[in-house]
Amino acid sequence: MGCPIPLESEIALGGMGLCSTAGDYVRLVQAVVRALAGVEEGSITKETAELMVALQLNKQQREG
């Protein structure tokens, strides 16, 4: 089964060409939650999980 998303676009899109399933996303979220709880059983460390859930925008960007 191929990716249903067109692989070419007139604008740059983050994650362009990535395809996944709901089950994959659930496993990713579960791994992040476990890592945040201190259970590092895969490739996601607690430090990485903390970066994934941290605010990425500064105050000016958040307030627009």
C-alpha atoms as a PDB file:
ATOM      1  CA  MET A   1       0.000   0.000   0.000  1.00  0.00           C
ATOM      2  CA  GLY A   2       1.464   3.321  -1.063  1.00  0.00           C
ATOM      3  CA  CYS A   3       1.271   6.681   0.643  1.00  0.00           C
ATOM      4  CA  PRO A   4      -2.044   8.423  -0.208  1.00  0.00           C
ATOM      5  CA  ILE A   5      -0.479  11.857   0.261  1.00  0.00           C
ATOM      6  CA  PRO A   6       1.004  13.515  -2.841  1.00  0.00           C
ATOM      7  CA  LEU A   7       4.787  13.646  -2.500  1.00  0.00           C
ATOM      8  CA  GLU A   8       5.175  16.950  -4.358  1.00  0.00           C
ATOM      9  CA  SER A   9       3.851  20.338  -3.269  1.00  0.00           C
ATOM     10  CA  GLU A  10       4.202  23.985  -4.261  1.00  0.00           C
ATOM     11  CA  ILE A  11       4.990  24.871  -0.646  1.00  0.00           C
ATOM     12  CA  ALA A  12       7.355  23.258   1.850  1.00  0.00           C
ATOM     13  CA  LEU A  13       5.479  21.105   4.340  1.00  0.00           C
ATOM     14  CA  GLY A  14       7.023  19.693   7.494  1.00  0.00           C
ATOM     15  CA  GLY A  15       6.846  15.916   7.491  1.00  0.00           C
ATOM     16  CA  MET A  16       6.134  15.835   3.766  1.00  0.00           C
ATOM     17  CA  GLY A  17       5.878  12.269   2.577  1.00  0.00           C
ATOM     18  CA  LEU A  18       5.562  10.707   6.025  1.00  0.00           C
ATOM     19  CA  CYS A  19       2.732   8.223   6.293  1.00  0.00           C
ATOM     20  CA  SER A  20       1.604   6.407   9.396  1.00  0.00           C
ATOM     21  CA  THR A  21      -1.383   4.812  11.099  1.00  0.00           C
ATOM     22  CA  ALA A  22      -3.399   5.635  14.191  1.00  0.00           C
ATOM     23  CA  GLY A  23      -1.834   2.597  15.858  1.00  0.00           C
ATOM     24  CA  ASP A  24       1.670   3.903  15.137  1.00  0.00           C
ATOM     25  CA  TYR A  25       0.739   7.252  16.664  1.00  0.00           C
ATOM     26  CA  VAL A  26      -0.696   5.565  19.780  1.00  0.00           C
ATOM     27  CA  ARG A  27       2.538   3.587  20.235  1.00  0.00           C
ATOM     28  CA  LEU A  28       4.576   6.794  19.893  1.00  0.00           C
ATOM     29  CA  VAL A  29       2.458   8.630  22.469  1.00  0.00           C
ATOM     30  CA  GLN A  30       2.638   5.668  24.853  1.00  0.00           C
ATOM     31  CA  ALA A  31       6.443   5.598  24.523  1.00  0.00           C
ATOM     32  CA  VAL A  32       6.628   9.343  25.279  1.00  0.00           C
ATOM     33  CA  VAL A  33       4.377   8.963  28.345  1.00  0.00           C
ATOM     34  CA  ARG A  34       6.453   6.021  29.630  1.00  0.00           C
ATOM     35  CA  ALA A  35       9.702   7.943  29.089  1.00  0.00           C
ATOM     36  CA  LEU A  36       8.304  10.956  30.989  1.00  0.00           C
ATOM     37  CA  ALA A  37       7.472   8.564  33.834  1.00  0.00           C
ATOM     38  CA  GLY A  38      11.107   7.402  33.847  1.00  0.00           C
ATOM     39  CA  VAL A  39      10.548   4.097  32.039  1.00  0.00           C
ATOM     40  CA  GLU A  40      13.004   4.230  29.130  1.00  0.00           C
ATOM     41  CA  GLU A  41      12.466   1.023  27.188  1.00  0.00           C
ATOM     42  CA  GLY A  42      13.130   2.102  23.646  1.00  0.00           C
ATOM     43  CA  SER A  43      14.683   4.870  21.660  1.00  0.00           C
ATOM     44  CA  ILE A  44      12.933   7.725  23.510  1.00  0.00           C
ATOM     45  CA  THR A  45      14.797   8.950  26.571  1.00  0.00           C
ATOM     46  CA  LYS A  46      13.257  11.060  29.307  1.00  0.00           C
ATOM     47  CA  GLU A  47      15.267  14.039  28.047  1.00  0.00           C
ATOM     48  CA  THR A  48      13.913  13.582  24.520  1.00  0.00           C
ATOM     49  CA  ALA A  49      10.337  13.183  25.770  1.00  0.00           C
ATOM     50  CA  GLU A  50      10.668  16.386  27.811  1.00  0.00           C
ATOM     51  CA  LEU A  51      11.821  18.252  24.709  1.00  0.00           C
ATOM     52  CA  MET A  52       8.878  16.839  22.738  1.00  0.00           C
ATOM     53  CA  VAL A  53       6.305  18.255  25.190  1.00  0.00           C
ATOM     54  CA  ALA A  54       8.075  21.559  25.980  1.00  0.00           C
ATOM     55  CA  LEU A  55       6.783  24.871  24.644  1.00  0.00           C
ATOM     56  CA  GLN A  56       8.533  25.606  21.353  1.00  0.00           C
ATOM     57  CA  LEU A  57       7.296  29.164  20.805  1.00  0.00           C
ATOM     58  CA  ASN A  58       8.557  32.239  22.623  1.00  0.00           C
ATOM     59  CA  LYS A  59       6.137  34.642  24.341  1.00  0.00           C
ATOM     60  CA  GLN A  60       5.836  36.930  21.305  1.00  0.00           C
ATOM     61  CA  GLN A  61       5.070  34.000  19.011  1.00  0.00           C
ATOM     62  CA  ARG A  62       2.469  32.596  21.424  1.00  0.00           C
ATOM     63  CA  GLU A  63       0.684  35.924  21.820  1.00  0.00           C
ATOM     64  CA  GLY A  64       0.840  36.661  18.097  1.00  0.00           C
END
